[in-house]
C-alpha atoms as a PDB file:
ATOM      1  CA  MET A   1       0.000   0.000   0.000  1.00  0.00           C
ATOM      2  CA  THR A   2       1.372   3.401  -0.951  1.00  0.00           C
ATOM      3  CA  SER A   3       1.703   6.092   1.649  1.00  0.00           C
ATOM      4  CA  LYS A   4      -0.937   8.145  -0.167  1.00  0.00           C
ATOM      5  CA  LYS A   5      -3.510   5.333  -0.005  1.00  0.00           C
ATOM      6  CA  PHE A   6      -2.644   4.717   3.645  1.00  0.00           C
ATOM      7  CA  LEU A   7      -3.233   8.371   4.512  1.00  0.00           C
ATOM      8  CA  ILE A   8      -6.533   8.402   2.626  1.00  0.00           C
ATOM      9  CA  ARG A   9      -7.696   5.230   4.377  1.00  0.00           C
ATOM     10  CA  TYR A  10      -6.538   6.592   7.753  1.00  0.00           C
ATOM     11  CA  ALA A  11      -8.386   9.860   7.148  1.00  0.00           C
ATOM     12  CA  ILE A  12     -11.577   7.977   6.226  1.00  0.00           C
ATOM     13  CA  ILE A  13     -11.368   5.784   9.337  1.00  0.00           C
ATOM     14  CA  MET A  14     -10.777   8.807  11.576  1.00  0.00           C
ATOM     15  CA  ALA A  15     -13.649  10.722   9.968  1.00  0.00           C
ATOM     16  CA  VAL A  16     -15.986   7.764  10.538  1.00  0.00           C
ATOM     17  CA  LEU A  17     -14.856   7.436  14.178  1.00  0.00           C
ATOM     18  CA  ILE A  18     -15.250  11.156  14.835  1.00  0.00           C
ATOM     19  CA  GLY A  19     -18.678  11.106  13.197  1.00  0.00           C
ATOM     20  CA  LEU A  20     -19.694   8.081  15.270  1.00  0.00           C
ATOM     21  CA  ILE A  21     -18.520   9.665  18.529  1.00  0.00           C
ATOM     22  CA  ALA A  22     -20.280  12.927  17.675  1.00  0.00           C
ATOM     23  CA  SER A  23     -23.475  11.039  16.807  1.00  0.00           C
ATOM     24  CA  ILE A  24     -23.437   9.162  20.115  1.00  0.00           C
ATOM     25  CA  ASN A  25     -22.883  12.391  22.057  1.00  0.00           C
ATOM     26  CA  TYR A  26     -25.633  14.072  20.038  1.00  0.00           C
ATOM     27  CA  TYR A  27     -28.000  11.266  20.991  1.00  0.00           C
ATOM     28  CA  ILE A  28     -27.044  11.307  24.677  1.00  0.00           C
ATOM     29  CA  ASP A  29     -27.185  15.127  24.667  1.00  0.00           C
ATOM     30  CA  ILE A  30     -26.141  15.524  28.296  1.00  0.00           C
ATOM     31  CA  TYR A  31     -26.390  19.346  28.091  1.00  0.00           C
ATOM     32  CA  GLY A  32     -29.819  19.501  26.445  1.00  0.00           C
ATOM     33  CA  LEU A  33     -28.524  21.249  23.322  1.00  0.00           C
ATOM     34  CA  PHE A  34     -29.868  19.042  20.550  1.00  0.00           C
ATOM     35  CA  ARG A  35     -32.831  16.878  21.504  1.00  0.00           C
ATOM     36  CA  GLY A  36     -35.770  18.547  23.162  1.00  0.00           C
ATOM     37  CA  LYS A  37     -36.899  18.910  26.739  1.00  0.00           C
ATOM     38  CA  LYS A  38     -35.549  15.968  28.717  1.00  0.00           C
ATOM     39  CA  GLU A  39     -34.476  17.019  32.222  1.00  0.00           C
ATOM     40  CA  ARG A  40     -30.760  17.738  32.687  1.00  0.00           C
ATOM     41  CA  LYS A  41     -28.430  17.951  35.685  1.00  0.00           C
ATOM     42  CA  VAL A  42     -24.961  19.234  36.450  1.00  0.00           C
ATOM     43  CA  TYR A  43     -22.471  16.461  37.221  1.00  0.00           C
ATOM     44  CA  ILE A  44     -19.187  18.377  37.134  1.00  0.00           C
ATOM     45  CA  ASN A  45     -17.943  21.808  36.060  1.00  0.00           C
ATOM     46  CA  GLU A  46     -20.921  23.942  36.943  1.00  0.00           C
ATOM     47  CA  ARG A  47     -19.684  26.821  34.776  1.00  0.00           C
ATOM     48  CA  THR A  48     -19.649  24.872  31.514  1.00  0.00           C
ATOM     49  CA  SER A  49     -22.801  22.912  32.293  1.00  0.00           C
ATOM     50  CA  LYS A  50     -25.022  25.849  33.187  1.00  0.00           C
ATOM     51  CA  TYR A  51     -23.584  27.942  30.365  1.00  0.00           C
ATOM     52  CA  LEU A  52     -24.542  25.221  27.871  1.00  0.00           C
ATOM     53  CA  PHE A  53     -27.920  24.772  29.580  1.00  0.00           C
ATOM     54  CA  SER A  54     -28.535  28.482  28.974  1.00  0.00           C
ATOM     55  CA  MET A  55     -28.447  27.908  25.218  1.00  0.00           C
ATOM     56  CA  ARG A  56     -31.573  25.742  25.090  1.00  0.00           C
ATOM     57  CA  TYR A  57     -32.509  23.755  28.173  1.00  0.00           C
ATOM     58  CA  ILE A  58     -33.252  26.757  30.413  1.00  0.00           C
ATOM     59  CA  PRO A  59     -34.945  29.105  27.910  1.00  0.00           C
ATOM     60  CA  GLU A  60     -37.185  26.327  26.548  1.00  0.00           C
ATOM     61  CA  ASN A  61     -38.291  24.926  29.894  1.00  0.00           C
ATOM     62  CA  TYR A  62     -38.499  27.704  32.484  1.00  0.00           C
ATOM     63  CA  GLU A  63     -40.482  30.873  33.110  1.00  0.00           C
ATOM     64  CA  GLY A  64     -38.009  32.421  35.518  1.00  0.00           C
ATOM     65  CA  VAL A  65     -34.372  32.236  36.621  1.00  0.00           C
ATOM     66  CA  ILE A  66     -32.293  32.906  39.708  1.00  0.00           C
ATOM     67  CA  ALA A  67     -28.831  34.266  38.889  1.00  0.00           C
ATOM     68  CA  GLY A  68     -25.899  35.145  41.086  1.00  0.00           C
ATOM     69  CA  PRO A  69     -22.850  33.763  42.920  1.00  0.00           C
ATOM     70  CA  SER A  70     -22.600  31.013  45.539  1.00  0.00           C
ATOM     71  CA  LEU A  71     -24.833  32.989  47.928  1.00  0.00           C
ATOM     72  CA  SER A  72     -27.813  32.060  45.745  1.00  0.00           C
ATOM     73  CA  ASP A  73     -26.440  28.855  44.200  1.00  0.00           C
ATOM     74  CA  ASN A  74     -27.858  26.696  46.979  1.00  0.00           C
ATOM     75  CA  LEU A  75     -31.418  28.020  46.733  1.00  0.00           C
ATOM     76  CA  ASN A  76     -33.717  25.203  45.641  1.00  0.00           C
ATOM     77  CA  PRO A  77     -36.308  26.747  43.305  1.00  0.00           C
ATOM     78  CA  ASP A  78     -38.533  23.696  43.741  1.00  0.00           C
ATOM     79  CA  ALA A  79     -39.685  25.352  46.977  1.00  0.00           C
ATOM     80  CA  ILE A  80     -41.527  27.977  44.914  1.00  0.00           C
ATOM     81  CA  LYS A  81     -44.293  25.700  43.682  1.00  0.00           C
ATOM     82  CA  ALA A  82     -46.330  28.038  41.501  1.00  0.00           C
ATOM     83  CA  TYR A  83     -43.518  28.830  39.063  1.00  0.00           C
ATOM     84  CA  LYS A  84     -41.054  26.884  36.968  1.00  0.00           C
ATOM     85  CA  ILE A  85     -37.708  28.439  37.971  1.00  0.00           C
ATOM     86  CA  TYR A  86     -34.131  27.453  37.130  1.00  0.00           C
ATOM     87  CA  ASN A  87     -31.263  28.384  39.437  1.00  0.00           C
ATOM     88  CA  ALA A  88     -28.554  29.573  37.015  1.00  0.00           C
ATOM     89  CA  SER A  89     -26.282  30.761  39.837  1.00  0.00           C
ATOM     90  CA  ILE A  90     -22.680  29.569  39.798  1.00  0.00           C
ATOM     91  CA  MET A  91     -20.135  29.420  42.601  1.00  0.00           C
ATOM     92  CA  GLY A  92     -17.582  32.218  42.249  1.00  0.00           C
ATOM     93  CA  ILE A  93     -19.302  33.840  39.287  1.00  0.00           C
ATOM     94  CA  ASN A  94     -18.988  37.548  38.550  1.00  0.00           C
ATOM     95  CA  VAL A  95     -21.341  39.758  36.565  1.00  0.00           C
ATOM     96  CA  THR A  96     -19.468  39.221  33.274  1.00  0.00           C
ATOM     97  CA  GLU A  97     -19.973  35.480  33.480  1.00  0.00           C
ATOM     98  CA  MET A  98     -23.533  35.849  34.719  1.00  0.00           C
ATOM     99  CA  ASN A  99     -24.328  37.967  31.683  1.00  0.00           C
ATOM    100  CA  TYR A 100     -23.123  35.247  29.308  1.00  0.00           C
ATOM    101  CA  LEU A 101     -25.872  33.021  30.690  1.00  0.00           C
ATOM    102  CA  LEU A 102     -28.560  35.683  30.954  1.00  0.00           C
ATOM    103  CA  ASN A 103     -27.952  36.944  27.426  1.00  0.00           C
ATOM    104  CA  ASN A 104     -28.516  33.421  26.095  1.00  0.00           C
ATOM    105  CA  ILE A 105     -31.644  32.918  28.198  1.00  0.00           C
ATOM    106  CA  ILE A 106     -33.110  36.300  27.205  1.00  0.00           C
ATOM    107  CA  ASP A 107     -32.354  35.919  23.497  1.00  0.00           C
ATOM    108  CA  ARG A 108     -33.497  32.304  23.174  1.00  0.00           C
ATOM    109  CA  GLY A 109     -36.553  32.115  25.419  1.00  0.00           C
ATOM    110  CA  GLN A 110     -39.478  33.970  26.919  1.00  0.00           C
ATOM    111  CA  ILE A 111     -38.888  34.069  30.657  1.00  0.00           C
ATOM    112  CA  LYS A 112     -41.162  36.262  32.769  1.00  0.00           C
ATOM    113  CA  PHE A 113     -38.785  37.243  35.540  1.00  0.00           C
ATOM    114  CA  ALA A 114     -35.152  37.191  36.611  1.00  0.00           C
ATOM    115  CA  ILE A 115     -34.123  37.113  40.273  1.00  0.00           C
ATOM    116  CA  ILE A 116     -30.592  38.440  40.784  1.00  0.00           C
ATOM    117  CA  CYS A 117     -28.643  37.904  43.996  1.00  0.00           C
ATOM    118  CA  LEU A 118     -26.641  41.092  44.566  1.00  0.00           C
ATOM    119  CA  GLY A 119     -23.725  39.576  46.429  1.00  0.00           C
ATOM    120  CA  ARG A 120     -20.717  41.813  46.903  1.00  0.00           C
ATOM    121  CA  TYR A 121     -18.485  39.443  44.906  1.00  0.00           C
ATOM    122  CA  LEU A 122     -20.705  39.764  41.839  1.00  0.00           C
ATOM    123  CA  THR A 123     -19.336  43.222  41.017  1.00  0.00           C
ATOM    124  CA  LYS A 124     -15.901  42.957  42.629  1.00  0.00           C
ATOM    125  CA  ASP A 125     -14.220  42.322  39.271  1.00  0.00           C
ATOM    126  CA  HIS A 126     -15.063  41.701  35.628  1.00  0.00           C
ATOM    127  CA  GLY A 127     -14.081  39.393  32.771  1.00  0.00           C
ATOM    128  CA  ARG A 128     -14.282  35.638  32.430  1.00  0.00           C
ATOM    129  CA  LYS A 129     -12.453  33.807  35.193  1.00  0.00           C
ATOM    130  CA  SER A 130     -11.950  30.672  33.103  1.00  0.00           C
ATOM    131  CA  ALA A 131     -12.345  29.332  29.580  1.00  0.00           C
ATOM    132  CA  HIS A 132     -15.305  27.200  30.645  1.00  0.00           C
ATOM    133  CA  ILE A 133     -17.831  29.891  29.704  1.00  0.00           C
ATOM    134  CA  ASP A 134     -17.189  30.189  25.990  1.00  0.00           C
ATOM    135  CA  PRO A 135     -19.304  29.683  22.815  1.00  0.00           C
ATOM    136  CA  LYS A 136     -16.742  27.091  21.677  1.00  0.00           C
ATOM    137  CA  GLU A 137     -18.018  24.800  24.423  1.00  0.00           C
ATOM    138  CA  TYR A 138     -21.096  24.180  22.247  1.00  0.00           C
ATOM    139  CA  TRP A 139     -19.015  22.034  19.893  1.00  0.00           C
ATOM    140  CA  GLY A 140     -17.279  20.430  22.848  1.00  0.00           C
ATOM    141  CA  ALA A 141     -20.653  18.877  23.678  1.00  0.00           C
ATOM    142  CA  LEU A 142     -20.131  16.614  20.652  1.00  0.00           C
ATOM    143  CA  GLY A 143     -16.747  15.435  21.865  1.00  0.00           C
ATOM    144  CA  SER A 144     -14.148  16.809  24.299  1.00  0.00           C
ATOM    145  CA  THR A 145     -12.149  15.920  27.383  1.00  0.00           C
ATOM    146  CA  ASN A 146     -14.607  17.960  29.445  1.00  0.00           C
ATOM    147  CA  LEU A 147     -17.439  15.801  28.106  1.00  0.00           C
ATOM    148  CA  LEU A 148     -15.564  12.650  29.090  1.00  0.00           C
ATOM    149  CA  LYS A 149     -15.174  14.029  32.623  1.00  0.00           C
ATOM    150  CA  THR A 150     -18.903  14.718  32.704  1.00  0.00           C
ATOM    151  CA  TYR A 151     -19.702  11.123  31.725  1.00  0.00           C
ATOM    152  CA  LEU A 152     -17.274   9.854  34.366  1.00  0.00           C
ATOM    153  CA  LEU A 153     -18.822  12.001  37.111  1.00  0.00           C
ATOM    154  CA  TYR A 154     -22.297  11.011  35.949  1.00  0.00           C
ATOM    155  CA  GLY A 155     -21.417   7.393  36.755  1.00  0.00           C
ATOM    156  CA  ILE A 156     -19.685   8.250  40.029  1.00  0.00           C
ATOM    157  CA  ARG A 157     -22.620  10.330  41.293  1.00  0.00           C
ATOM    158  CA  LYS A 158     -25.364   8.041  39.963  1.00  0.00           C
ATOM    159  CA  TYR A 159     -23.914   4.936  41.608  1.00  0.00           C
ATOM    160  CA  ASP A 160     -22.633   6.764  44.712  1.00  0.00           C
ATOM    161  CA  LEU A 161     -19.051   5.576  44.187  1.00  0.00           C
ATOM    162  CA  ALA A 162     -17.372   8.406  46.127  1.00  0.00           C
ATOM    163  CA  PRO A 163     -20.003   9.905  48.471  1.00  0.00           C
ATOM    164  CA  GLY A 164     -17.503  11.800  50.603  1.00  0.00           C
ATOM    165  CA  ARG A 165     -16.126  13.711  47.632  1.00  0.00           C
ATOM    166  CA  TYR A 166     -18.851  13.560  44.987  1.00  0.00           C
ATOM    167  CA  ALA A 167     -22.269  13.534  46.645  1.00  0.00           C
ATOM    168  CA  PRO A 168     -24.847  11.777  44.425  1.00  0.00           C
ATOM    169  CA  ASN A 169     -27.630  14.333  44.795  1.00  0.00           C
ATOM    170  CA  ILE A 170     -25.706  17.594  45.007  1.00  0.00           C
ATOM    171  CA  TYR A 171     -27.548  19.038  41.965  1.00  0.00           C
ATOM    172  CA  ASN A 172     -31.152  18.708  40.885  1.00  0.00           C
ATOM    173  CA  THR A 173     -32.679  19.287  37.447  1.00  0.00           C
ATOM    174  CA  ASP A 174     -33.618  22.870  38.367  1.00  0.00           C
ATOM    175  CA  GLY A 175     -30.036  23.978  39.010  1.00  0.00           C
ATOM    176  CA  TRP A 176     -29.970  23.728  42.812  1.00  0.00           C
ATOM    177  CA  ASN A 177     -26.397  23.201  44.019  1.00  0.00           C
ATOM    178  CA  ASN A 178     -26.668  21.627  47.458  1.00  0.00           C
ATOM    179  CA  PHE A 179     -22.932  22.113  48.020  1.00  0.00           C
ATOM    180  CA  GLU A 180     -23.341  21.685  51.770  1.00  0.00           C
ATOM    181  CA  LEU A 181     -23.272  17.920  51.074  1.00  0.00           C
ATOM    182  CA  GLU A 182     -19.601  18.209  50.134  1.00  0.00           C
ATOM    183  CA  MET A 183     -18.641  20.478  53.044  1.00  0.00           C
ATOM    184  CA  HIS A 184     -17.459  18.993  56.324  1.00  0.00           C
ATOM    185  CA  ASN A 185     -17.101  20.036  59.971  1.00  0.00           C
ATOM    186  CA  LEU A 186     -19.481  22.958  59.605  1.00  0.00           C
ATOM    187  CA  ASN A 187     -19.699  25.238  62.625  1.00  0.00           C
ATOM    188  CA  PRO A 188     -21.317  28.544  61.651  1.00  0.00           C
ATOM    189  CA  LYS A 189     -21.415  29.910  65.212  1.00  0.00           C
ATOM    190  CA  ASP A 190     -17.677  29.403  65.610  1.00  0.00           C
ATOM    191  CA  SER A 191     -16.920  30.766  62.139  1.00  0.00           C
ATOM    192  CA  ILE A 192     -18.992  33.918  62.623  1.00  0.00           C
ATOM    193  CA  GLU A 193     -17.839  34.628  66.172  1.00  0.00           C
ATOM    194  CA  LYS A 194     -14.167  34.235  65.231  1.00  0.00           C
ATOM    195  CA  ARG A 195     -14.506  36.733  62.379  1.00  0.00           C
ATOM    196  CA  VAL A 196     -16.271  39.194  64.640  1.00  0.00           C
ATOM    197  CA  ALA A 197     -13.785  38.757  67.502  1.00  0.00           C
ATOM    198  CA  HIS A 198     -10.776  39.197  65.219  1.00  0.00           C
ATOM    199  CA  LYS A 199     -12.495  41.936  63.193  1.00  0.00           C
ATOM    200  CA  VAL A 200     -11.982  40.106  59.907  1.00  0.00           C
ATOM    201  CA  ILE A 201     -13.342  42.487  57.279  1.00  0.00           C
ATOM    202  CA  ASP A 202     -13.728  41.541  53.616  1.00  0.00           C
ATOM    203  CA  THR A 203     -13.012  44.233  51.067  1.00  0.00           C
ATOM    204  CA  ILE A 204     -16.252  45.538  49.609  1.00  0.00           C
ATOM    205  CA  SER A 205     -15.603  47.298  46.324  1.00  0.00           C
ATOM    206  CA  ILE A 206     -17.352  47.797  42.996  1.00  0.00           C
ATOM    207  CA  ASP A 207     -15.381  47.447  39.794  1.00  0.00           C
ATOM    208  CA  PRO A 208     -16.425  50.251  37.360  1.00  0.00           C
ATOM    209  CA  VAL A 209     -16.711  47.882  34.375  1.00  0.00           C
ATOM    210  CA  ALA A 210     -18.685  45.362  36.410  1.00  0.00           C
ATOM    211  CA  TYR A 211     -21.038  48.162  37.494  1.00  0.00           C
ATOM    212  CA  GLU A 212     -21.690  49.035  33.847  1.00  0.00           C
ATOM    213  CA  GLU A 213     -22.213  45.371  32.982  1.00  0.00           C
ATOM    214  CA  LEU A 214     -24.817  44.998  35.720  1.00  0.00           C
ATOM    215  CA  ASP A 215     -26.563  48.116  34.443  1.00  0.00           C
ATOM    216  CA  PHE A 216     -26.484  46.696  30.890  1.00  0.00           C
ATOM    217  CA  ILE A 217     -28.156  43.410  31.793  1.00  0.00           C
ATOM    218  CA  LEU A 218     -30.821  45.131  33.903  1.00  0.00           C
ATOM    219  CA  LYS A 219     -31.672  47.388  30.958  1.00  0.00           C
ATOM    220  CA  LYS A 220     -31.783  44.431  28.582  1.00  0.00           C
ATOM    221  CA  LEU A 221     -34.151  42.541  30.884  1.00  0.00           C
ATOM    222  CA  ARG A 222     -36.470  45.559  30.966  1.00  0.00           C
ATOM    223  CA  ARG A 223     -36.375  45.958  27.163  1.00  0.00           C
ATOM    224  CA  HIS A 224     -37.599  42.379  26.851  1.00  0.00           C
ATOM    225  CA  ASN A 225     -40.382  43.007  29.388  1.00  0.00           C
ATOM    226  CA  ILE A 226     -38.801  40.659  31.911  1.00  0.00           C
ATOM    227  CA  GLN A 227     -39.541  41.540  35.516  1.00  0.00           C
ATOM    228  CA  VAL A 228     -36.361  42.442  37.400  1.00  0.00           C
ATOM    229  CA  ILE A 229     -36.137  41.260  41.006  1.00  0.00           C
ATOM    230  CA  GLY A 230     -32.955  41.969  42.934  1.00  0.00           C
ATOM    231  CA  TYR A 231     -32.126  40.998  46.487  1.00  0.00           C
ATOM    232  CA  TYR A 232     -29.280  41.350  48.974  1.00  0.00           C
ATOM    233  CA  SER A 233     -28.655  37.993  50.615  1.00  0.00           C
ATOM    234  CA  PRO A 234     -28.620  37.919  54.436  1.00  0.00           C
ATOM    235  CA  VAL A 235     -25.254  38.577  56.055  1.00  0.00           C
ATOM    236  CA  PRO A 236     -24.695  37.408  59.650  1.00  0.00           C
ATOM    237  CA  TYR A 237     -25.646  40.371  61.797  1.00  0.00           C
ATOM    238  CA  GLY A 238     -22.334  40.606  63.664  1.00  0.00           C
ATOM    239  CA  ILE A 239     -20.321  40.536  60.435  1.00  0.00           C
ATOM    240  CA  TYR A 240     -22.550  43.145  58.817  1.00  0.00           C
ATOM    241  CA  GLN A 241     -22.087  45.452  61.796  1.00  0.00           C
ATOM    242  CA  LEU A 242     -18.278  45.139  61.568  1.00  0.00           C
ATOM    243  CA  ASP A 243     -18.291  47.070  58.305  1.00  0.00           C
ATOM    244  CA  LYS A 244     -21.809  48.470  58.200  1.00  0.00           C
ATOM    245  CA  THR A 245     -20.851  51.673  56.399  1.00  0.00           C
ATOM    246  CA  ALA A 246     -19.135  49.768  53.567  1.00  0.00           C
ATOM    247  CA  TYR A 247     -22.064  47.374  53.212  1.00  0.00           C
ATOM    248  CA  GLN A 248     -24.548  50.235  53.093  1.00  0.00           C
ATOM    249  CA  ASP A 249     -22.454  52.197  50.591  1.00  0.00           C
ATOM    250  CA  PHE A 250     -22.346  49.097  48.386  1.00  0.00           C
ATOM    251  CA  GLU A 251     -26.110  48.630  48.664  1.00  0.00           C
ATOM    252  CA  LYS A 252     -26.742  52.311  47.908  1.00  0.00           C
ATOM    253  CA  ARG A 253     -24.654  52.276  44.717  1.00  0.00           C
ATOM    254  CA  ILE A 254     -26.084  48.995  43.433  1.00  0.00           C
ATOM    255  CA  SER A 255     -29.636  50.021  44.321  1.00  0.00           C
ATOM    256  CA  ALA A 256     -29.238  53.158  42.195  1.00  0.00           C
ATOM    257  CA  LEU A 257     -29.338  50.919  39.101  1.00  0.00           C
ATOM    258  CA  PHE A 258     -32.841  49.714  39.913  1.00  0.00           C
ATOM    259  CA  LYS A 259     -35.918  51.520  38.593  1.00  0.00           C
ATOM    260  CA  ASN A 260     -39.472  52.035  39.810  1.00  0.00           C
ATOM    261  CA  ASN A 261     -40.926  48.940  38.162  1.00  0.00           C
ATOM    262  CA  ASP A 262     -38.156  46.704  39.462  1.00  0.00           C
ATOM    263  CA  VAL A 263     -38.406  44.914  42.790  1.00  0.00           C
ATOM    264  CA  LEU A 264     -35.534  45.270  45.245  1.00  0.00           C
ATOM    265  CA  LEU A 265     -35.344  43.365  48.516  1.00  0.00           C
ATOM    266  CA  ASN A 266     -32.713  44.098  51.158  1.00  0.00           C
ATOM    267  CA  LEU A 267     -32.606  41.267  53.666  1.00  0.00           C
ATOM    268  CA  ASN A 268     -30.041  43.130  55.784  1.00  0.00           C
ATOM    269  CA  GLU A 269     -32.373  45.892  56.916  1.00  0.00           C
ATOM    270  CA  GLU A 270     -32.666  46.317  60.675  1.00  0.00           C
ATOM    271  CA  LYS A 271     -36.057  44.601  60.755  1.00  0.00           C
ATOM    272  CA  TYR A 272     -34.326  41.355  59.779  1.00  0.00           C
ATOM    273  CA  ARG A 273     -31.914  41.530  62.733  1.00  0.00           C
ATOM    274  CA  PRO A 274     -33.530  38.595  64.618  1.00  0.00           C
ATOM    275  CA  ILE A 275     -33.227  36.462  61.469  1.00  0.00           C
ATOM    276  CA  ASN A 276     -29.639  37.377  60.663  1.00  0.00           C
ATOM    277  CA  SER A 277     -28.562  36.982  64.290  1.00  0.00           C
ATOM    278  CA  ASP A 278     -29.589  33.332  64.208  1.00  0.00           C
ATOM    279  CA  TYR A 279     -26.489  31.183  63.610  1.00  0.00           C
ATOM    280  CA  GLU A 280     -28.695  28.381  62.300  1.00  0.00           C
ATOM    281  CA  MET A 281     -29.459  30.520  59.253  1.00  0.00           C
ATOM    282  CA  PHE A 282     -25.926  29.916  57.944  1.00  0.00           C
ATOM    283  CA  ILE A 283     -23.459  27.119  57.259  1.00  0.00           C
ATOM    284  CA  ASP A 284     -20.396  29.368  57.580  1.00  0.00           C
ATOM    285  CA  HIS A 285     -19.787  33.126  57.715  1.00  0.00           C
ATOM    286  CA  GLY A 286     -22.217  33.901  54.906  1.00  0.00           C
ATOM    287  CA  HIS A 287     -23.673  30.991  52.950  1.00  0.00           C
ATOM    288  CA  LEU A 288     -27.186  29.968  53.876  1.00  0.00           C
ATOM    289  CA  SER A 289     -28.245  26.786  55.630  1.00  0.00           C
ATOM    290  CA  HIS A 290     -31.474  25.018  54.676  1.00  0.00           C
ATOM    291  CA  LYS A 291     -33.205  27.202  57.256  1.00  0.00           C
ATOM    292  CA  GLY A 292     -31.738  30.345  55.695  1.00  0.00           C
ATOM    293  CA  GLN A 293     -32.568  29.172  52.199  1.00  0.00           C
ATOM    294  CA  SER A 294     -36.173  28.537  53.209  1.00  0.00           C
ATOM    295  CA  PHE A 295     -36.458  32.050  54.609  1.00  0.00           C
ATOM    296  CA  VAL A 296     -35.116  33.684  51.424  1.00  0.00           C
ATOM    297  CA  LEU A 297     -37.262  31.501  49.180  1.00  0.00           C
ATOM    298  CA  GLN A 298     -40.355  32.419  51.203  1.00  0.00           C
ATOM    299  CA  GLN A 299     -39.619  36.115  50.680  1.00  0.00           C
ATOM    300  CA  LEU A 300     -39.139  35.607  46.940  1.00  0.00           C
ATOM    301  CA  ASP A 301     -42.285  33.490  46.713  1.00  0.00           C
ATOM    302  CA  SER A 302     -44.281  36.269  48.382  1.00  0.00           C
ATOM    303  CA  ILE A 303     -42.929  38.821  45.909  1.00  0.00           C
ATOM    304  CA  LEU A 304     -43.867  36.649  42.932  1.00  0.00           C
ATOM    305  CA  ASN A 305     -47.340  36.046  44.314  1.00  0.00           C
ATOM    306  CA  VAL A 306     -47.900  39.802  44.615  1.00  0.00           C
ATOM    307  CA  LEU A 307     -46.537  40.464  41.123  1.00  0.00           C
ATOM    308  CA  TYR A 308     -48.585  37.749  39.443  1.00  0.00           C
ATOM    309  CA  LYS A 309     -51.459  37.597  41.958  1.00  0.00           C
ATOM    310  CA  LYS A 310     -51.355  33.853  42.468  1.00  0.00           C
END
């Protein structure tokens, strides 16, 4: 066999293999990009998964979304029974990355409302933090190393092969990230009291570009007649008081972007002091426990019921 014939035969075999692999991945469609409305879950790499979900799965199946960083990532939208809501929050996300998802959801669907968690880390910086939120990932869904990892973690989680590291039910089909299942030795009282005693203060700043990006997405939501609902997640009362002026300055600047027809909920107002002073509301110095999640979801449910009179 001549080298030319060998190369042609090799190229044909490789093309057939690539086509076969792509066809199998198209059929499995683990990110809900190609084949309708079957329920999907995150198994690994929340950034890539939810970004790809935002291209079809979310806009075709949901009437509302929750978006934000880890402070809202563990809210289970199933608790709000009257509405089909997807939690598109991602741990460590900033407003640039959030907008990649929201732009897809707005442009490709007809959601009624968007609930945005206004955590201080959302506008601390701008730009993509990794390559996992990228339009090129669409083609990776037909074959990539990331896809192989997803299949591997699907098996590990489904058959509970490593429960201490990869909890089987950490995500549900509505985007809830129950990351508490993979956290250990939780002691919120100790964590909060230590920060207060040692006056550990996190920097609270607003990146100018991030501020503009938040303004952009709020305006786009309004242009598409999507109800804007923003909320400030509860901060442990003692921690909030450590740097109250900085927190309130942050809230004042962010709140200035919201308009009359928007809904804005500040769960750090003084009337919530008894709630935010309860250590059982948290799993650490800021993330919510199931009790805290239930409280926030009840407030959001009440807002939606007023807006849509259900």
